[in-house]
Amino acid sequence: MADATTLNPMFELWRKQFEESAAAWTRLMGQAPALPADPTAFWRPVLNQGLEQWARLFAQTPLTPDLATQWKQFMDQWIEAWSKALGQAMNTEAYAQMMGKYLDQWLVANAPAKRAVEQQIDQALQVFNLASRSQLTAVAKQIVELEERLERMEDVLGAILKRVDHREPK
């Protein structure tokens, strides 16, 4: 079991990271660019109106098999109509541009939080004496470079040995 001298720095780091992340989220929420309005906001009144009409009909009429059958037919037609309308709307260039703009703004808004999380992960890895992704990538790059140098050296040595073999009398 770990003693208090090793746990206190970890708890202190955790507390500090928690406070920093809370401050980062507070800054992020205060400075984030406004995201576009909810894309379903346009359709919501239409959907609500249809549902309200059916709710009134159910409230006024006793539940019978005919009413349930009519409701199911209506729902099937309603879903098919909305599916067709939304499919057509989503195949437009305007929709693609709106979604692209929305995703760009979402990425911009989340970039500071992503950086803050990455910094906190790096700090935690340092406390636990573990390598970070960037450190492992740098080591892998060095290993690849060493392998390439060794291959070049083997090629040069092979060429030198061939020359030496051809010059020596047998």
C-alpha atoms as a PDB file:
ATOM      1  CA  MET A   1       0.000   0.000   0.000  1.00  0.00           C
ATOM      2  CA  ALA A   2       1.238   3.490  -0.854  1.00  0.00           C
ATOM      3  CA  ASP A   3       2.253   5.778   1.961  1.00  0.00           C
ATOM      4  CA  ALA A   4       1.096   9.371   2.496  1.00  0.00           C
ATOM      5  CA  THR A   5       4.291  10.865   1.010  1.00  0.00           C
ATOM      6  CA  THR A   6       3.532   9.357  -2.415  1.00  0.00           C
ATOM      7  CA  LEU A   7      -0.239   9.912  -2.289  1.00  0.00           C
ATOM      8  CA  ASN A   8      -0.232  13.574  -1.247  1.00  0.00           C
ATOM      9  CA  PRO A   9       1.488  14.834  -4.439  1.00  0.00           C
ATOM     10  CA  MET A  10      -0.936  12.796  -6.572  1.00  0.00           C
ATOM     11  CA  PHE A  11      -3.974  14.129  -4.708  1.00  0.00           C
ATOM     12  CA  GLU A  12      -2.566  17.640  -4.910  1.00  0.00           C
ATOM     13  CA  LEU A  13      -2.040  17.240  -8.676  1.00  0.00           C
ATOM     14  CA  TRP A  14      -5.558  15.864  -9.048  1.00  0.00           C
ATOM     15  CA  ARG A  15      -7.008  18.794  -7.078  1.00  0.00           C
ATOM     16  CA  LYS A  16      -5.013  21.292  -9.163  1.00  0.00           C
ATOM     17  CA  GLN A  17      -6.105  19.666 -12.429  1.00  0.00           C
ATOM     18  CA  PHE A  18      -9.719  19.644 -11.268  1.00  0.00           C
ATOM     19  CA  GLU A  19      -9.575  23.356 -10.462  1.00  0.00           C
ATOM     20  CA  GLU A  20      -7.837  24.160 -13.763  1.00  0.00           C
ATOM     21  CA  SER A  21     -10.326  22.128 -15.775  1.00  0.00           C
ATOM     22  CA  ALA A  22     -13.257  23.800 -14.016  1.00  0.00           C
ATOM     23  CA  ALA A  23     -11.740  27.201 -14.823  1.00  0.00           C
ATOM     24  CA  ALA A  24     -11.108  26.134 -18.444  1.00  0.00           C
ATOM     25  CA  TRP A  25     -14.699  24.978 -18.866  1.00  0.00           C
ATOM     26  CA  THR A  26     -15.957  28.229 -17.367  1.00  0.00           C
ATOM     27  CA  ARG A  27     -13.809  30.242 -19.799  1.00  0.00           C
ATOM     28  CA  LEU A  28     -14.862  27.988 -22.674  1.00  0.00           C
ATOM     29  CA  MET A  29     -18.552  28.433 -22.009  1.00  0.00           C
ATOM     30  CA  GLY A  30     -18.129  32.197 -21.728  1.00  0.00           C
ATOM     31  CA  GLN A  31     -16.011  32.648 -24.865  1.00  0.00           C
ATOM     32  CA  ALA A  32     -17.286  29.952 -27.229  1.00  0.00           C
ATOM     33  CA  PRO A  33     -18.711  31.200 -30.502  1.00  0.00           C
ATOM     34  CA  ALA A  34     -22.449  30.830 -30.739  1.00  0.00           C
ATOM     35  CA  LEU A  35     -23.400  27.563 -32.347  1.00  0.00           C
ATOM     36  CA  PRO A  36     -26.124  27.675 -34.990  1.00  0.00           C
ATOM     37  CA  ALA A  37     -29.682  27.241 -33.848  1.00  0.00           C
ATOM     38  CA  ASP A  38     -31.078  23.771 -33.387  1.00  0.00           C
ATOM     39  CA  PRO A  39     -31.696  22.386 -36.924  1.00  0.00           C
ATOM     40  CA  THR A  40     -34.946  20.772 -35.756  1.00  0.00           C
ATOM     41  CA  ALA A  41     -36.346  24.089 -34.453  1.00  0.00           C
ATOM     42  CA  PHE A  42     -38.028  24.775 -37.795  1.00  0.00           C
ATOM     43  CA  TRP A  43     -39.852  21.430 -37.795  1.00  0.00           C
ATOM     44  CA  ARG A  44     -40.816  21.359 -34.140  1.00  0.00           C
ATOM     45  CA  PRO A  45     -44.023  23.486 -34.426  1.00  0.00           C
ATOM     46  CA  VAL A  46     -45.309  21.311 -37.262  1.00  0.00           C
ATOM     47  CA  LEU A  47     -44.567  18.112 -35.380  1.00  0.00           C
ATOM     48  CA  ASN A  48     -46.094  19.456 -32.182  1.00  0.00           C
ATOM     49  CA  GLN A  49     -49.253  20.558 -33.977  1.00  0.00           C
ATOM     50  CA  GLY A  50     -49.835  17.079 -35.409  1.00  0.00           C
ATOM     51  CA  LEU A  51     -49.199  15.425 -32.065  1.00  0.00           C
ATOM     52  CA  GLU A  52     -51.534  17.868 -30.288  1.00  0.00           C
ATOM     53  CA  GLN A  53     -54.327  17.117 -32.753  1.00  0.00           C
ATOM     54  CA  TRP A  54     -53.944  13.396 -32.162  1.00  0.00           C
ATOM     55  CA  ALA A  55     -53.810  13.933 -28.407  1.00  0.00           C
ATOM     56  CA  ARG A  56     -57.115  15.876 -28.567  1.00  0.00           C
ATOM     57  CA  LEU A  57     -58.684  13.152 -30.714  1.00  0.00           C
ATOM     58  CA  PHE A  58     -57.608  10.446 -28.252  1.00  0.00           C
ATOM     59  CA  ALA A  59     -58.893  12.514 -25.332  1.00  0.00           C
ATOM     60  CA  GLN A  60     -62.329  13.016 -26.935  1.00  0.00           C
ATOM     61  CA  THR A  61     -62.836   9.560 -28.456  1.00  0.00           C
ATOM     62  CA  PRO A  62     -62.829   6.275 -26.591  1.00  0.00           C
ATOM     63  CA  LEU A  63     -60.073   3.904 -27.618  1.00  0.00           C
ATOM     64  CA  THR A  64     -61.423   1.452 -30.173  1.00  0.00           C
ATOM     65  CA  PRO A  65     -59.690  -0.898 -32.573  1.00  0.00           C
ATOM     66  CA  ASP A  66     -60.701   1.383 -35.464  1.00  0.00           C
ATOM     67  CA  LEU A  67     -59.112   4.430 -33.845  1.00  0.00           C
ATOM     68  CA  ALA A  68     -55.911   2.509 -33.150  1.00  0.00           C
ATOM     69  CA  THR A  69     -55.819   1.266 -36.756  1.00  0.00           C
ATOM     70  CA  GLN A  70     -56.366   4.784 -38.088  1.00  0.00           C
ATOM     71  CA  TRP A  71     -53.658   6.111 -35.791  1.00  0.00           C
ATOM     72  CA  LYS A  72     -51.192   3.479 -37.006  1.00  0.00           C
ATOM     73  CA  GLN A  73     -52.000   4.283 -40.647  1.00  0.00           C
ATOM     74  CA  PHE A  74     -51.585   7.986 -39.955  1.00  0.00           C
ATOM     75  CA  MET A  75     -48.277   7.413 -38.199  1.00  0.00           C
ATOM     76  CA  ASP A  76     -46.986   5.247 -41.078  1.00  0.00           C
ATOM     77  CA  GLN A  77     -47.963   7.898 -43.625  1.00  0.00           C
ATOM     78  CA  TRP A  78     -46.585  10.667 -41.430  1.00  0.00           C
ATOM     79  CA  ILE A  79     -43.227   8.918 -40.999  1.00  0.00           C
ATOM     80  CA  GLU A  80     -43.038   8.207 -44.738  1.00  0.00           C
ATOM     81  CA  ALA A  81     -43.837  11.831 -45.627  1.00  0.00           C
ATOM     82  CA  TRP A  82     -41.292  13.222 -43.165  1.00  0.00           C
ATOM     83  CA  SER A  83     -38.694  10.712 -44.291  1.00  0.00           C
ATOM     84  CA  LYS A  84     -39.142  11.811 -47.894  1.00  0.00           C
ATOM     85  CA  ALA A  85     -39.145  15.544 -47.031  1.00  0.00           C
ATOM     86  CA  LEU A  86     -36.102  15.315 -44.778  1.00  0.00           C
ATOM     87  CA  GLY A  87     -34.276  13.150 -47.320  1.00  0.00           C
ATOM     88  CA  GLN A  88     -34.829  15.786 -49.980  1.00  0.00           C
ATOM     89  CA  ALA A  89     -33.808  18.604 -47.623  1.00  0.00           C
ATOM     90  CA  MET A  90     -30.629  16.796 -46.585  1.00  0.00           C
ATOM     91  CA  ASN A  91     -29.596  16.277 -50.203  1.00  0.00           C
ATOM     92  CA  THR A  92     -29.337  20.020 -50.826  1.00  0.00           C
ATOM     93  CA  GLU A  93     -26.168  22.080 -50.947  1.00  0.00           C
ATOM     94  CA  ALA A  94     -27.604  24.510 -48.369  1.00  0.00           C
ATOM     95  CA  TYR A  95     -27.993  21.701 -45.828  1.00  0.00           C
ATOM     96  CA  ALA A  96     -24.443  20.496 -46.482  1.00  0.00           C
ATOM     97  CA  GLN A  97     -23.098  24.022 -46.002  1.00  0.00           C
ATOM     98  CA  MET A  98     -25.101  24.493 -42.789  1.00  0.00           C
ATOM     99  CA  MET A  99     -23.851  21.182 -41.371  1.00  0.00           C
ATOM    100  CA  GLY A 100     -20.283  22.020 -42.388  1.00  0.00           C
ATOM    101  CA  LYS A 101     -20.509  25.401 -40.668  1.00  0.00           C
ATOM    102  CA  TYR A 102     -22.051  23.801 -37.575  1.00  0.00           C
ATOM    103  CA  LEU A 103     -19.292  21.164 -37.365  1.00  0.00           C
ATOM    104  CA  ASP A 104     -16.565  23.797 -37.866  1.00  0.00           C
ATOM    105  CA  GLN A 105     -17.984  25.917 -35.052  1.00  0.00           C
ATOM    106  CA  TRP A 106     -18.329  22.871 -32.835  1.00  0.00           C
ATOM    107  CA  LEU A 107     -14.676  21.967 -33.405  1.00  0.00           C
ATOM    108  CA  VAL A 108     -13.564  25.546 -32.707  1.00  0.00           C
ATOM    109  CA  ALA A 109     -15.611  25.611 -29.505  1.00  0.00           C
ATOM    110  CA  ASN A 110     -14.200  22.288 -28.290  1.00  0.00           C
ATOM    111  CA  ALA A 111     -10.545  22.885 -29.220  1.00  0.00           C
ATOM    112  CA  PRO A 112      -9.631  24.670 -25.927  1.00  0.00           C
ATOM    113  CA  ALA A 113     -11.220  21.892 -23.887  1.00  0.00           C
ATOM    114  CA  LYS A 114      -9.350  19.264 -25.906  1.00  0.00           C
ATOM    115  CA  ARG A 115      -6.039  21.054 -25.324  1.00  0.00           C
ATOM    116  CA  ALA A 116      -6.761  21.365 -21.590  1.00  0.00           C
ATOM    117  CA  VAL A 117      -7.564  17.654 -21.331  1.00  0.00           C
ATOM    118  CA  GLU A 118      -4.410  16.719 -23.252  1.00  0.00           C
ATOM    119  CA  GLN A 119      -2.295  18.874 -20.909  1.00  0.00           C
ATOM    120  CA  GLN A 120      -3.860  17.261 -17.865  1.00  0.00           C
ATOM    121  CA  ILE A 121      -3.253  13.785 -19.272  1.00  0.00           C
ATOM    122  CA  ASP A 122       0.392  14.667 -19.920  1.00  0.00           C
ATOM    123  CA  GLN A 123       0.763  15.935 -16.341  1.00  0.00           C
ATOM    124  CA  ALA A 124      -0.806  12.777 -14.938  1.00  0.00           C
ATOM    125  CA  LEU A 125       1.482  10.607 -17.070  1.00  0.00           C
ATOM    126  CA  GLN A 126       4.494  12.516 -15.757  1.00  0.00           C
ATOM    127  CA  VAL A 127       3.378  11.942 -12.160  1.00  0.00           C
ATOM    128  CA  PHE A 128       3.065   8.211 -12.809  1.00  0.00           C
ATOM    129  CA  ASN A 129       6.348   8.211 -14.763  1.00  0.00           C
ATOM    130  CA  LEU A 130       4.651   6.953 -17.953  1.00  0.00           C
ATOM    131  CA  ALA A 131       5.434   7.950 -21.512  1.00  0.00           C
ATOM    132  CA  SER A 132       3.013  10.169 -23.400  1.00  0.00           C
ATOM    133  CA  ARG A 133       1.849   9.580 -26.960  1.00  0.00           C
ATOM    134  CA  SER A 134       4.180  12.284 -28.304  1.00  0.00           C
ATOM    135  CA  GLN A 135       7.150  10.749 -26.473  1.00  0.00           C
ATOM    136  CA  LEU A 136       6.360   7.281 -27.821  1.00  0.00           C
ATOM    137  CA  THR A 137       5.952   8.700 -31.326  1.00  0.00           C
ATOM    138  CA  ALA A 138       9.334  10.459 -31.066  1.00  0.00           C
ATOM    139  CA  VAL A 139      11.020   7.217 -29.934  1.00  0.00           C
ATOM    140  CA  ALA A 140       9.373   5.278 -32.779  1.00  0.00           C
ATOM    141  CA  LYS A 141      10.581   7.902 -35.263  1.00  0.00           C
ATOM    142  CA  GLN A 142      14.136   7.624 -33.917  1.00  0.00           C
ATOM    143  CA  ILE A 143      14.002   3.821 -34.209  1.00  0.00           C
ATOM    144  CA  VAL A 144      12.846   4.049 -37.828  1.00  0.00           C
ATOM    145  CA  GLU A 145      15.638   6.528 -38.602  1.00  0.00           C
ATOM    146  CA  LEU A 146      18.188   4.193 -36.973  1.00  0.00           C
ATOM    147  CA  GLU A 147      16.907   1.256 -39.021  1.00  0.00           C
ATOM    148  CA  GLU A 148      17.226   3.307 -42.203  1.00  0.00           C
ATOM    149  CA  ARG A 149      20.802   4.310 -41.286  1.00  0.00           C
ATOM    150  CA  LEU A 150      21.688   0.675 -40.569  1.00  0.00           C
ATOM    151  CA  GLU A 151      20.266  -0.387 -43.941  1.00  0.00           C
ATOM    152  CA  ARG A 152      22.319   2.302 -45.703  1.00  0.00           C
ATOM    153  CA  MET A 153      25.428   1.196 -43.802  1.00  0.00           C
ATOM    154  CA  GLU A 154      24.779  -2.441 -44.773  1.00  0.00           C
ATOM    155  CA  ASP A 155      24.419  -1.389 -48.415  1.00  0.00           C
ATOM    156  CA  VAL A 156      27.692   0.569 -48.288  1.00  0.00           C
ATOM    157  CA  LEU A 157      29.501  -2.289 -46.528  1.00  0.00           C
ATOM    158  CA  GLY A 158      28.144  -4.738 -49.090  1.00  0.00           C
ATOM    159  CA  ALA A 159      29.429  -2.568 -51.937  1.00  0.00           C
ATOM    160  CA  ILE A 160      32.846  -2.238 -50.256  1.00  0.00           C
ATOM    161  CA  LEU A 161      33.094  -5.997 -49.727  1.00  0.00           C
ATOM    162  CA  LYS A 162      32.231  -6.636 -53.387  1.00  0.00           C
ATOM    163  CA  ARG A 163      35.016  -4.271 -54.496  1.00  0.00           C
ATOM    164  CA  VAL A 164      37.468  -5.908 -52.137  1.00  0.00           C
ATOM    165  CA  ASP A 165      36.493  -9.395 -53.374  1.00  0.00           C
ATOM    166  CA  HIS A 166      37.007  -8.352 -56.996  1.00  0.00           C
ATOM    167  CA  ARG A 167      40.476  -6.834 -56.331  1.00  0.00           C
ATOM    168  CA  GLU A 168      41.920  -9.713 -54.347  1.00  0.00           C
ATOM    169  CA  PRO A 169      43.603 -12.422 -56.422  1.00  0.00           C
ATOM    170  CA  LYS A 170      42.249 -15.888 -55.902  1.00  0.00           C
END
